[in-house]
Amino acid sequence: MLARTERNGGDQGQLDIDYHVESYFAHFHFQWPIIHRPSFQRSKDSQPHILVLSMAMIGLWVTGDKVAQSRAENMHDKLVALLENRKGDWKSQKSFKHKLCPMMTFQAVLLNTIFALVREAPPDLLDRCSSMVRALTTTCISGGLFSYDGIRTQLTPSESFLFAWTWVEETKRLALALFKVNLLYKTGMLSISDLEFPLPDCGYLWDAPGTREFYSRYRAQVESGTHETPLICDIFRHVQRGGPGLVHSNDQPTSIPVLA
């Protein structure tokens, strides 16, 4: 079990994982909302250590404390090295038959490449993170991560609606965030035309605090008359042709989730 003992972020003693994960959600999550918080909290004790530690690392950084930030940088150096050593495993994922394991690993890779930019890492570390971005992008393209049809074919009838919805939503958010990280690292590997999936939920269902509230909100959404959202690539094509972009049936613009 992960240690949960100390909150000061100093170099001595064990890291308070719970405290710094909460800091991650409080101060970083809404800029890069790639992890479904209710699902994470329900199963946090069984989450891969590398994902939880990546979140705690960012939680340390956002405190603003110099000692805590130094510790976060040290953690980052080690986590990047660990992810590089395991690259052969996560890079070989050409499908998502065991959905949760590769998804969480990909989230950890993405968080560490984002954090390299946040901390303004040395050039050699940025180059290594850029290499991981390229490897992750190649893997996700091969696995159909950027295709809505490819995403949905991974689901089975035995999976609950809530699990299926959450997994699809996390996948879309991961893909959209990976697209932006590719832009930040200037890889040239992706373009808008590659985003063949709908925009993620605006937060109404995504932020539902529990199963009961999720289904309550979902029923309300269905009763209000929802419709299938077009693919992101099609939205941009429509805008380029002079169209208004994505609108509700009542001609009011939709809310678009921010991955800043």
Protein backbone atom coordinates (compact mmCIF):
# COMPACT_ATOMS: atom_id res chain seq x y z
CA MET A 1 0.00 0.00 0.00
CA LEU A 2 1.21 3.50 -0.72
CA ALA A 3 2.47 5.49 2.24
CA ARG A 4 0.17 8.23 3.53
CA THR A 5 1.99 9.84 6.41
CA GLU A 6 3.46 13.28 5.82
CA ARG A 7 2.11 16.52 4.36
CA ASN A 8 5.03 18.90 4.34
CA GLY A 9 6.52 17.77 1.03
CA GLY A 10 10.02 17.84 2.49
CA ASP A 11 12.90 15.56 1.60
CA GLN A 12 12.65 13.58 4.85
CA GLY A 13 9.99 11.00 5.61
CA GLN A 14 7.33 9.47 3.45
CA LEU A 15 5.13 11.35 1.03
CA ASP A 16 1.47 11.87 1.98
CA ILE A 17 0.01 10.47 -1.22
CA ASP A 18 -3.63 11.24 -0.40
CA TYR A 19 -2.94 14.87 0.47
CA HIS A 20 -0.96 15.62 -2.67
CA VAL A 21 -3.37 13.74 -4.95
CA GLU A 22 -6.11 15.98 -3.56
CA SER A 23 -3.88 18.98 -4.34
CA TYR A 24 -3.59 17.64 -7.89
CA PHE A 25 -7.37 17.52 -8.26
CA ALA A 26 -7.84 20.91 -6.60
CA HIS A 27 -5.25 22.88 -8.59
CA PHE A 28 -4.32 20.98 -11.78
CA HIS A 29 -7.15 18.65 -12.78
CA PHE A 30 -9.40 21.29 -14.30
CA GLN A 31 -6.64 22.42 -16.66
CA TRP A 32 -6.01 18.87 -17.90
CA PRO A 33 -9.16 16.86 -17.00
CA ILE A 34 -8.00 13.49 -18.27
CA ILE A 35 -8.71 11.38 -15.15
CA HIS A 36 -12.27 10.61 -14.05
CA ARG A 37 -12.17 11.68 -10.42
CA PRO A 38 -15.15 9.65 -9.08
CA SER A 39 -13.79 6.43 -10.64
CA PHE A 40 -10.29 7.18 -9.39
CA GLN A 41 -11.48 7.77 -5.84
CA ARG A 42 -13.50 4.55 -5.80
CA SER A 43 -10.46 2.47 -6.72
CA LYS A 44 -7.46 4.59 -5.71
CA ASP A 45 -5.92 1.88 -3.52
CA SER A 46 -5.69 -0.43 -6.55
CA GLN A 47 -4.43 2.19 -9.01
CA PRO A 48 -0.95 1.66 -10.56
CA HIS A 49 1.69 3.29 -8.38
CA ILE A 50 3.21 5.11 -11.35
CA LEU A 51 -0.04 6.98 -12.07
CA VAL A 52 -0.72 7.82 -8.42
CA LEU A 53 2.86 8.99 -7.91
CA SER A 54 2.68 11.12 -11.05
CA MET A 55 -0.42 12.82 -9.68
CA ALA A 56 1.18 13.28 -6.25
CA MET A 57 4.28 14.74 -7.94
CA ILE A 58 2.15 17.42 -9.59
CA GLY A 59 0.33 17.94 -6.29
CA LEU A 60 3.68 18.67 -4.67
CA TRP A 61 4.57 21.16 -7.38
CA VAL A 62 1.36 23.17 -7.23
CA THR A 63 1.92 23.94 -3.53
CA GLY A 64 4.45 26.54 -4.66
CA ASP A 65 6.81 25.55 -1.84
CA LYS A 66 10.43 25.47 -3.07
CA VAL A 67 11.34 22.36 -1.10
CA ALA A 68 8.22 20.56 -2.32
CA GLN A 69 8.92 21.59 -5.90
CA SER A 70 12.48 20.32 -5.66
CA ARG A 71 11.13 17.00 -4.44
CA ALA A 72 8.65 16.97 -7.33
CA GLU A 73 11.50 17.49 -9.80
CA ASN A 74 13.42 14.60 -8.26
CA MET A 75 10.33 12.40 -8.50
CA HIS A 76 9.87 13.45 -12.11
CA ASP A 77 13.41 12.46 -13.05
CA LYS A 78 12.83 8.99 -11.59
CA LEU A 79 9.35 8.53 -13.06
CA VAL A 80 10.51 9.49 -16.55
CA ALA A 81 13.36 6.98 -16.28
CA LEU A 82 10.91 4.31 -15.12
CA LEU A 83 8.51 5.02 -17.99
CA GLU A 84 11.40 4.90 -20.46
CA ASN A 85 12.47 1.53 -19.07
CA ARG A 86 8.92 0.24 -19.52
CA LYS A 87 8.45 1.79 -22.96
CA GLY A 88 8.72 -1.59 -24.64
CA ASP A 89 5.67 -2.75 -22.67
CA TRP A 90 3.34 0.23 -23.12
CA LYS A 91 4.48 0.98 -26.66
CA SER A 92 3.52 -2.56 -27.73
CA GLN A 93 -0.14 -2.03 -26.82
CA LYS A 94 -1.79 -2.20 -30.24
CA SER A 95 -5.27 -2.75 -28.81
CA PHE A 96 -7.01 -2.04 -25.54
CA LYS A 97 -8.42 -5.45 -24.67
CA HIS A 98 -7.37 -4.94 -21.06
CA LYS A 99 -8.62 -1.37 -20.97
CA LEU A 100 -7.67 -0.06 -17.54
CA CYS A 101 -4.01 -1.04 -17.46
CA PRO A 102 -2.86 0.65 -20.69
CA MET A 103 -5.17 3.61 -20.11
CA MET A 104 -3.64 4.36 -16.71
CA THR A 105 -0.13 3.90 -18.04
CA PHE A 106 -0.87 6.25 -20.94
CA GLN A 107 -2.27 8.79 -18.46
CA ALA A 108 0.95 8.55 -16.45
CA VAL A 109 3.07 9.07 -19.58
CA LEU A 110 0.98 12.07 -20.56
CA LEU A 111 1.14 13.66 -17.10
CA ASN A 112 4.92 13.33 -17.00
CA THR A 113 5.37 14.86 -20.45
CA ILE A 114 3.07 17.73 -19.47
CA PHE A 115 4.95 18.25 -16.22
CA ALA A 116 8.24 18.50 -18.10
CA LEU A 117 6.84 21.61 -19.78
CA VAL A 118 5.37 22.97 -16.55
CA ARG A 119 8.66 22.73 -14.67
CA GLU A 120 10.66 23.96 -17.69
CA ALA A 121 12.83 20.87 -17.62
CA PRO A 122 16.40 20.85 -18.98
CA PRO A 123 16.70 20.35 -22.77
CA ASP A 124 17.89 16.75 -22.49
CA LEU A 125 14.88 15.80 -20.36
CA LEU A 126 12.52 17.62 -22.73
CA ASP A 127 14.02 15.64 -25.62
CA ARG A 128 13.39 12.38 -23.75
CA CYS A 129 9.81 13.42 -23.00
CA SER A 130 9.32 14.39 -26.64
CA SER A 131 10.43 10.88 -27.59
CA MET A 132 7.83 9.45 -25.21
CA VAL A 133 5.14 11.68 -26.73
CA ARG A 134 6.01 10.35 -30.17
CA ALA A 135 5.99 6.75 -28.95
CA LEU A 136 2.66 7.20 -27.18
CA THR A 137 1.15 8.88 -30.23
CA THR A 138 2.27 6.05 -32.50
CA THR A 139 0.80 3.49 -30.11
CA CYS A 140 -2.50 5.33 -29.79
CA ILE A 141 -2.87 5.78 -33.55
CA SER A 142 -2.25 2.05 -34.04
CA GLY A 143 -4.76 1.22 -31.31
CA GLY A 144 -7.50 3.36 -32.82
CA LEU A 145 -7.53 5.91 -30.01
CA PHE A 146 -8.36 8.78 -32.36
CA SER A 147 -11.27 6.98 -34.05
CA TYR A 148 -14.70 6.92 -32.40
CA ASP A 149 -15.50 3.63 -34.12
CA GLY A 150 -12.16 2.25 -32.95
CA ILE A 151 -12.86 3.35 -29.38
CA ARG A 152 -16.34 1.82 -29.28
CA THR A 153 -15.28 -1.52 -30.78
CA GLN A 154 -13.26 -2.13 -27.59
CA LEU A 155 -16.47 -2.29 -25.54
CA THR A 156 -18.39 -5.49 -24.81
CA PRO A 157 -22.10 -6.02 -24.02
CA SER A 158 -21.22 -7.31 -20.54
CA GLU A 159 -19.86 -3.94 -19.40
CA SER A 160 -22.13 -1.61 -17.49
CA PHE A 161 -23.32 1.59 -19.11
CA LEU A 162 -21.47 3.68 -16.50
CA PHE A 163 -18.19 1.83 -17.06
CA ALA A 164 -18.54 2.06 -20.84
CA TRP A 165 -19.43 5.77 -20.75
CA THR A 166 -16.55 6.57 -18.39
CA TRP A 167 -14.00 4.61 -20.41
CA VAL A 168 -15.05 6.21 -23.69
CA GLU A 169 -14.98 9.65 -22.06
CA GLU A 170 -11.52 9.13 -20.56
CA THR A 171 -10.29 7.89 -23.92
CA LYS A 172 -11.60 10.96 -25.74
CA ARG A 173 -10.03 13.26 -23.15
CA LEU A 174 -6.72 11.43 -23.33
CA ALA A 175 -6.73 11.69 -27.13
CA LEU A 176 -7.58 15.40 -27.08
CA ALA A 177 -4.90 16.10 -24.47
CA LEU A 178 -2.36 14.07 -26.44
CA PHE A 179 -3.22 16.14 -29.51
CA LYS A 180 -2.45 19.33 -27.60
CA VAL A 181 0.77 17.90 -26.15
CA ASN A 182 1.86 17.03 -29.69
CA LEU A 183 1.32 20.68 -30.59
CA LEU A 184 3.32 21.84 -27.56
CA TYR A 185 6.20 19.50 -28.43
CA LYS A 186 5.88 20.38 -32.13
CA THR A 187 6.00 16.75 -33.25
CA GLY A 188 3.96 17.32 -36.42
CA MET A 189 2.39 13.88 -35.95
CA LEU A 190 -1.26 14.93 -35.58
CA SER A 191 -3.67 17.38 -37.17
CA ILE A 192 -7.31 18.34 -36.60
CA SER A 193 -8.33 15.88 -39.31
CA ASP A 194 -7.07 13.04 -37.10
CA LEU A 195 -9.60 13.82 -34.35
CA GLU A 196 -12.32 11.46 -35.54
CA PHE A 197 -14.31 11.44 -32.30
CA PRO A 198 -16.85 13.77 -30.64
CA LEU A 199 -15.94 16.42 -28.12
CA PRO A 200 -15.86 15.19 -24.52
CA ASP A 201 -18.76 15.87 -22.19
CA CYS A 202 -18.81 19.48 -20.98
CA GLY A 203 -18.64 18.30 -17.36
CA TYR A 204 -22.31 17.76 -16.53
CA LEU A 205 -21.95 13.97 -16.46
CA TRP A 206 -18.16 13.85 -16.10
CA ASP A 207 -18.23 15.67 -12.76
CA ALA A 208 -21.19 13.74 -11.28
CA PRO A 209 -19.95 12.81 -7.77
CA GLY A 210 -21.39 9.29 -7.65
CA THR A 211 -23.28 6.56 -9.48
CA ARG A 212 -26.72 7.70 -8.34
CA GLU A 213 -26.05 11.32 -9.32
CA PHE A 214 -24.60 10.23 -12.67
CA TYR A 215 -27.75 8.33 -13.63
CA SER A 216 -29.94 11.16 -12.35
CA ARG A 217 -28.09 13.64 -14.55
CA TYR A 218 -28.10 11.24 -17.47
CA ARG A 219 -31.88 10.81 -17.28
CA ALA A 220 -32.30 14.58 -17.11
CA GLN A 221 -30.07 14.97 -20.14
CA VAL A 222 -32.03 12.39 -22.13
CA GLU A 223 -35.33 14.00 -21.18
CA SER A 224 -34.06 17.40 -22.32
CA GLY A 225 -33.58 16.03 -25.84
CA THR A 226 -29.88 15.41 -26.49
CA HIS A 227 -28.44 14.51 -29.86
CA GLU A 228 -25.28 12.87 -31.18
CA THR A 229 -22.37 15.30 -31.19
CA PRO A 230 -20.46 15.50 -34.50
CA LEU A 231 -16.82 14.51 -34.76
CA ILE A 232 -14.27 17.18 -33.88
CA CYS A 233 -12.72 17.01 -37.35
CA ASP A 234 -16.15 17.59 -38.91
CA ILE A 235 -16.84 20.57 -36.64
CA PHE A 236 -13.66 22.27 -37.84
CA ARG A 237 -14.41 21.46 -41.47
CA HIS A 238 -17.83 23.04 -41.03
CA VAL A 239 -16.28 26.17 -39.48
CA GLN A 240 -13.74 26.41 -42.31
CA ARG A 241 -16.65 26.44 -44.76
CA GLY A 242 -18.24 29.37 -42.94
CA GLY A 243 -20.56 27.43 -40.65
CA PRO A 244 -21.25 28.38 -37.01
CA GLY A 245 -19.55 25.33 -35.54
CA LEU A 246 -21.19 23.18 -32.88
CA VAL A 247 -24.60 24.30 -31.63
CA HIS A 248 -27.43 22.85 -29.59
CA SER A 249 -30.77 22.12 -31.17
CA ASN A 250 -31.99 25.41 -29.68
CA ASP A 251 -29.18 27.22 -31.57
CA GLN A 252 -27.23 27.99 -28.39
CA PRO A 253 -23.49 27.20 -28.47
CA THR A 254 -22.44 24.14 -26.54
CA SER A 255 -19.98 24.19 -23.67
CA ILE A 256 -16.63 22.83 -24.74
CA PRO A 257 -14.31 21.23 -22.13
CA VAL A 258 -11.02 23.06 -21.73
CA LEU A 259 -7.71 21.22 -21.91
CA ALA A 260 -5.44 24.16 -21.23
